[in-house]
Structures are given as C-alpha cells and as structure tokens.
C-alpha cells in the first residue's frame, strides 16, 4: 500500500494547493490512501463542514487534527457524524468525535490514529497509554496502521515513534509547521518522521502574516494573525507499506512548490 500523509494545511493557500494537486499526486505516486492534517484549514484555525466536504470530495480519504480542531463551533456536529475527520484520541472522555478511524482502501484494511502531545500543549490524557489501549483494540487483520502525533516537543514525538515501533506502520508528527529531515524506518518496521511540515504559504511565519505575528511578540496589544499569501508549498511524506505485515518498506519526504 502506498500512503500520502500531508502536513498541517494552513488556510486558503494550503487548501487550494491540496484541492488543485491531490489528484495529480495520487496518480503520479500511485497513492492508495491520502491523509492530511486539517486543524488549520479555515483561516488557520480549525475547519468548517463545507471545506471538509470539499476536501473529501477532491481525493482526501482521512483527516487528522490537533489543538485547534474545535476553534470553529460548527465542526462539532460534523465531527460527530463523519468518522473520517478525527480529533486527538487522548482528549477527555465525552469530547465530540473519534480519535481513530478503521476502514478500507483498495481492498486493504487500514487504521488511522490521531494523538496529541502534552508538552507545551495544554490538558490531555497520556498519549502513550491511550495509544496502547487503542492499538490493542484494533482487529488483527488491520495491519496497516498510521499515527499522526500532533505535538510541540521533538522528544515527545520521537519517544512515540520508538514506543510504537513494530506495532504500527508509521508515526508522523504534525503541529510545528516545519518539516524535519529525519525520515527513516525504525528497526522493527515503523516509518518515522518528526514533522511532516506545513502545506501553505511560506511568505510569513508558519503560514500566518509576518507583520501580525511580529506584532504579537513585540506589543502588548496583540491582534489576531491573518494567513500569509505567496510562496506556497505542499509538504508531505510518501510511505510504502507491506499489506501483509504492515511493516513500512520506505518513507520519503515531499516539499513541492505550488502556483495556483
């Protein structure tokens, strides 16, 4: 199975790039399953039901998220009825939506798990304990297992990779919006990348208008940052996985310029 995992998609520049390129990417790389992190899709904060529907219709199969997923209130009823839009599985009991999706892609059973870190990230349950519990609940015939670890600290993401090595097909990080260069296959067959990077405008600060962000660091009168425009890139990872064993054979990074 060939999987495409797309990093944090930020605002209109990022989602436009995905909408315009996803079918080409699927065909070019013979993608069986496309997963993207959607927590920054709507102006940089969360996602709306119409945008989610548009992205699913364009060729995205599953969306993960993170700490901004509930910034738009109308996402709550949507995430409760659409199991392909995930929120972190280690959010408190009673949180709307689900943190894991199990389905099928091209005849292969697949699980996608979304976790959030706790270092610098606010209140959440232990992602290691929750990962253990959910992995134990996955049926044995579901061998392709993908994890989005949405976390600030590199060490926490790396620890999760080692913790799950051999039990999942891939652990990739999101949240920092900066693609790392440590893509590799861990000893027991798990593909790992600390951060997928950002799909959006690189003309600002992690996808947002640079003047707005600088003002937040230099002034006590903060203003809400708007998204940046121009210099758009799609950042993602391609992962080749053995359908029978669930072990990853290869992982490689993508960082593609995009012009609409």
Protein backbone atom coordinates (compact mmCIF):
# COMPACT_ATOMS: atom_id res chain seq x y z
CA UNK A 1 0.00 0.00 0.00
CA UNK A 2 1.20 3.50 -0.86
CA UNK A 3 0.16 6.22 1.55
CA UNK A 4 0.39 10.01 1.26
CA UNK A 5 0.39 11.90 4.57
CA UNK A 6 0.11 15.68 4.18
CA UNK A 7 1.30 18.09 6.87
CA UNK A 8 -0.75 20.86 8.51
CA UNK A 9 -2.82 22.50 5.75
CA UNK A 10 -2.98 26.21 6.56
CA UNK A 11 -5.78 28.49 5.37
CA UNK A 12 -6.77 29.23 1.77
CA UNK A 13 -3.26 28.93 0.26
CA UNK A 14 -2.80 25.46 1.73
CA UNK A 15 -6.22 24.07 0.97
CA UNK A 16 -6.17 25.50 -2.56
CA UNK A 17 -2.87 23.72 -3.17
CA UNK A 18 -4.33 20.44 -1.93
CA UNK A 19 -7.52 20.82 -3.96
CA UNK A 20 -5.57 21.59 -7.12
CA UNK A 21 -2.87 18.95 -6.74
CA UNK A 22 -4.28 15.97 -4.86
CA UNK A 23 -5.45 14.05 -7.92
CA UNK A 24 -2.15 14.61 -9.71
CA UNK A 25 -0.24 13.48 -6.64
CA UNK A 26 -2.40 10.39 -6.30
CA UNK A 27 -1.83 9.42 -9.91
CA UNK A 28 1.88 10.30 -10.01
CA UNK A 29 2.75 8.35 -6.86
CA UNK A 30 0.08 5.63 -7.19
CA UNK A 31 -1.47 6.58 -3.85
CA UNK A 32 -3.92 4.17 -2.23
CA UNK A 33 -4.72 6.31 0.82
CA UNK A 34 -4.37 10.08 1.34
CA UNK A 35 -4.36 11.50 4.87
CA UNK A 36 -3.99 15.20 5.76
CA UNK A 37 -3.91 17.25 8.94
CA UNK A 38 -6.85 19.66 8.80
CA UNK A 39 -6.70 21.64 12.04
CA UNK A 40 -5.64 24.90 10.33
CA UNK A 41 -7.73 24.75 7.16
CA UNK A 42 -10.22 27.57 7.85
CA UNK A 43 -8.19 30.79 8.06
CA UNK A 44 -5.56 28.97 10.10
CA UNK A 45 -7.93 27.78 12.81
CA UNK A 46 -9.97 24.54 12.60
CA UNK A 47 -12.12 23.55 9.61
CA UNK A 48 -15.72 24.11 8.53
CA UNK A 49 -18.14 21.43 7.28
CA UNK A 50 -18.26 22.82 3.70
CA UNK A 51 -14.46 22.87 3.46
CA UNK A 52 -14.21 19.35 4.89
CA UNK A 53 -16.74 18.09 2.35
CA UNK A 54 -14.83 19.80 -0.46
CA UNK A 55 -11.52 18.24 0.56
CA UNK A 56 -13.02 14.77 0.97
CA UNK A 57 -14.63 15.07 -2.47
CA UNK A 58 -11.30 16.15 -4.01
CA UNK A 59 -9.48 12.95 -3.02
CA UNK A 60 -8.56 13.17 0.66
CA UNK A 61 -9.56 9.97 2.45
CA UNK A 62 -8.99 10.79 6.13
CA UNK A 63 -8.27 14.00 8.04
CA UNK A 64 -6.46 14.26 11.34
CA UNK A 65 -6.29 17.37 13.51
CA UNK A 66 -4.92 18.84 16.74
CA UNK A 67 -5.33 21.58 19.31
CA UNK A 68 -7.27 23.95 17.00
CA UNK A 69 -9.89 21.47 15.83
CA UNK A 70 -12.72 22.91 17.95
CA UNK A 71 -11.97 26.59 17.27
CA UNK A 72 -14.97 26.56 14.88
CA UNK A 73 -18.08 25.54 16.78
CA UNK A 74 -19.92 24.21 13.73
CA UNK A 75 -17.32 21.45 13.44
CA UNK A 76 -18.81 19.72 16.50
CA UNK A 77 -21.93 18.19 14.88
CA UNK A 78 -19.90 17.44 11.75
CA UNK A 79 -17.15 15.55 13.53
CA UNK A 80 -19.76 13.53 15.42
CA UNK A 81 -21.31 12.22 12.21
CA UNK A 82 -18.25 11.95 9.96
CA UNK A 83 -15.76 9.42 11.29
CA UNK A 84 -13.14 10.32 8.68
CA UNK A 85 -12.46 13.66 10.41
CA UNK A 86 -10.51 12.82 13.57
CA UNK A 87 -9.67 14.72 16.72
CA UNK A 88 -6.94 13.66 19.16
CA UNK A 89 -7.84 10.32 20.73
CA UNK A 90 -6.41 11.33 24.12
CA UNK A 91 -8.79 14.26 24.60
CA UNK A 92 -11.01 13.88 27.70
CA UNK A 93 -13.90 11.37 27.71
CA UNK A 94 -17.04 12.92 26.23
CA UNK A 95 -15.18 15.00 23.66
CA UNK A 96 -17.15 15.00 20.37
CA UNK A 97 -15.88 12.80 17.57
CA UNK A 98 -13.39 9.96 17.48
CA UNK A 99 -9.62 9.68 17.60
CA UNK A 100 -9.31 6.60 15.39
CA UNK A 101 -10.75 5.54 12.06
CA UNK A 102 -10.76 1.98 10.74
CA UNK A 103 -11.73 1.44 7.14
CA UNK A 104 -10.60 0.05 3.82
CA UNK A 105 -8.55 1.40 0.93
CA UNK A 106 -8.18 -0.59 -2.28
CA UNK A 107 -9.17 -3.78 -0.52
CA UNK A 108 -6.75 -3.30 2.39
CA UNK A 109 -7.97 -2.68 5.93
CA UNK A 110 -6.42 0.42 7.50
CA UNK A 111 -6.43 2.19 10.87
CA UNK A 112 -5.59 5.89 11.29
CA UNK A 113 -4.92 7.11 14.85
CA UNK A 114 -4.68 10.77 15.95
CA UNK A 115 -2.84 11.70 19.17
CA UNK A 116 -1.83 14.98 20.79
CA UNK A 117 1.21 15.62 22.95
CA UNK A 118 1.19 17.14 26.42
CA UNK A 119 4.45 19.11 26.45
CA UNK A 120 3.54 22.81 25.90
CA UNK A 121 0.15 21.68 24.53
CA UNK A 122 -2.38 22.05 27.33
CA UNK A 123 -4.54 19.46 29.02
CA UNK A 124 -4.83 15.99 27.53
CA UNK A 125 -4.65 12.40 28.70
CA UNK A 126 -1.43 10.37 28.43
CA UNK A 127 -0.95 9.74 24.68
CA UNK A 128 1.22 6.69 25.32
CA UNK A 129 -1.40 4.97 27.47
CA UNK A 130 -4.20 5.85 25.05
CA UNK A 131 -2.15 4.64 22.08
CA UNK A 132 -1.60 1.32 23.84
CA UNK A 133 -5.30 0.92 24.56
CA UNK A 134 -6.43 1.75 21.04
CA UNK A 135 -3.82 -0.39 19.30
CA UNK A 136 -4.88 -3.35 21.42
CA UNK A 137 -8.46 -2.78 20.22
CA UNK A 138 -7.57 -2.86 16.51
CA UNK A 139 -8.60 -6.15 14.85
CA UNK A 140 -5.66 -8.36 13.97
CA UNK A 141 -6.50 -8.27 10.26
CA UNK A 142 -5.94 -4.49 10.21
CA UNK A 143 -2.19 -4.48 9.71
CA UNK A 144 -1.70 -1.07 8.08
CA UNK A 145 -1.76 1.40 10.99
CA UNK A 146 -0.93 5.09 10.70
CA UNK A 147 -0.38 7.55 13.57
CA UNK A 148 -0.42 11.37 13.49
CA UNK A 149 1.31 12.57 16.66
CA UNK A 150 0.37 16.25 16.94
CA UNK A 151 2.91 17.68 19.38
CA UNK A 152 5.25 20.59 20.04
CA UNK A 153 8.24 18.77 21.51
CA UNK A 154 10.53 16.83 19.22
CA UNK A 155 11.41 14.50 22.09
CA UNK A 156 7.77 13.57 22.69
CA UNK A 157 7.23 12.72 19.02
CA UNK A 158 10.46 10.74 18.85
CA UNK A 159 9.55 8.84 22.01
CA UNK A 160 6.19 7.91 20.49
CA UNK A 161 7.92 6.60 17.36
CA UNK A 162 10.13 4.30 19.41
CA UNK A 163 7.25 3.35 21.71
CA UNK A 164 5.14 2.17 18.76
CA UNK A 165 7.94 0.73 16.62
CA UNK A 166 6.81 -2.62 15.25
CA UNK A 167 3.20 -2.11 16.34
CA UNK A 168 2.18 0.44 13.71
CA UNK A 169 3.20 1.10 10.12
CA UNK A 170 4.04 4.78 10.55
CA UNK A 171 4.32 7.53 13.15
CA UNK A 172 4.50 11.04 11.72
CA UNK A 173 4.44 14.31 13.61
CA UNK A 174 2.50 17.49 12.96
CA UNK A 175 1.99 20.89 14.67
CA UNK A 176 5.33 22.74 14.33
CA UNK A 177 4.74 23.52 10.61
CA UNK A 178 8.46 22.92 9.92
CA UNK A 179 9.41 19.78 8.02
CA UNK A 180 12.18 17.76 9.62
CA UNK A 181 14.87 15.78 7.80
CA UNK A 182 14.83 12.59 9.90
CA UNK A 183 12.62 10.33 7.78
CA UNK A 184 13.61 6.70 8.35
CA UNK A 185 12.42 3.18 9.03
CA UNK A 186 12.85 2.19 12.67
CA UNK A 187 14.35 -1.24 13.48
CA UNK A 188 11.03 -3.07 13.81
CA UNK A 189 9.48 -1.71 10.62
CA UNK A 190 7.76 1.55 11.58
CA UNK A 191 8.24 4.55 9.28
CA UNK A 192 9.01 7.71 11.24
CA UNK A 193 9.22 11.47 10.59
CA UNK A 194 9.27 14.01 13.43
CA UNK A 195 7.23 16.58 11.50
CA UNK A 196 5.58 16.48 8.09
CA UNK A 197 5.84 20.23 7.72
CA UNK A 198 3.26 22.75 6.54
CA UNK A 199 1.17 22.96 3.41
CA UNK A 200 0.56 26.67 2.98
CA UNK A 201 2.30 30.00 2.47
CA UNK A 202 5.98 30.25 3.35
CA UNK A 203 5.93 34.05 2.93
CA UNK A 204 5.11 34.55 6.61
CA UNK A 205 5.57 32.86 10.00
CA UNK A 206 4.37 29.23 9.94
CA UNK A 207 1.67 30.18 7.46
CA UNK A 208 0.50 33.41 9.07
CA UNK A 209 1.08 37.06 8.13
CA UNK A 210 4.55 38.00 9.36
CA UNK A 211 3.61 41.53 10.48
CA UNK A 212 0.74 40.19 12.59
CA UNK A 213 2.95 37.59 14.23
CA UNK A 214 5.81 40.02 14.86
CA UNK A 215 3.29 42.38 16.49
CA UNK A 216 2.29 39.62 18.91
CA UNK A 217 5.92 39.26 20.01
CA UNK A 218 6.70 42.98 20.22
CA UNK A 219 3.49 44.58 21.52
CA UNK A 220 1.19 44.12 24.49
CA UNK A 221 -1.78 44.94 22.24
CA UNK A 222 -1.97 41.70 20.32
CA UNK A 223 -4.03 41.27 17.19
CA UNK A 224 -5.31 38.08 15.61
CA UNK A 225 -2.96 36.91 12.89
CA UNK A 226 -4.27 36.56 9.35
CA UNK A 227 -2.85 33.96 6.98
CA UNK A 228 0.08 34.77 4.71
CA UNK A 229 -0.05 34.58 0.91
CA UNK A 230 2.51 33.63 -1.72
CA UNK A 231 5.39 31.15 -1.84
CA UNK A 232 3.11 28.16 -1.31
CA UNK A 233 4.49 24.66 -0.74
CA UNK A 234 2.96 21.24 -0.19
CA UNK A 235 4.79 19.28 2.49
CA UNK A 236 4.04 15.61 2.96
CA UNK A 237 5.50 12.12 3.23
CA UNK A 238 5.17 9.13 0.93
CA UNK A 239 5.10 5.81 2.74
CA UNK A 240 5.24 2.39 1.10
CA UNK A 241 3.82 -0.36 3.34
CA UNK A 242 3.67 -4.13 3.01
CA UNK A 243 -0.05 -5.02 3.06
CA UNK A 244 0.53 -8.44 4.60
CA UNK A 245 2.79 -7.49 7.50
CA UNK A 246 2.01 -3.80 7.99
CA UNK A 247 5.73 -3.06 8.02
CA UNK A 248 6.92 0.03 6.19
CA UNK A 249 9.31 -0.52 3.30
CA UNK A 250 10.15 3.10 2.55
CA UNK A 251 9.39 6.68 3.62
CA UNK A 252 10.37 9.81 1.71
CA UNK A 253 9.62 13.48 2.20
CA UNK A 254 7.89 15.78 -0.30
CA UNK A 255 8.29 19.55 -0.36
CA UNK A 256 6.70 20.81 -3.55
CA UNK A 257 6.27 24.42 -4.73
CA UNK A 258 2.75 25.25 -5.88
CA UNK A 259 1.36 28.04 -8.01
CA UNK A 260 -2.41 28.38 -8.46
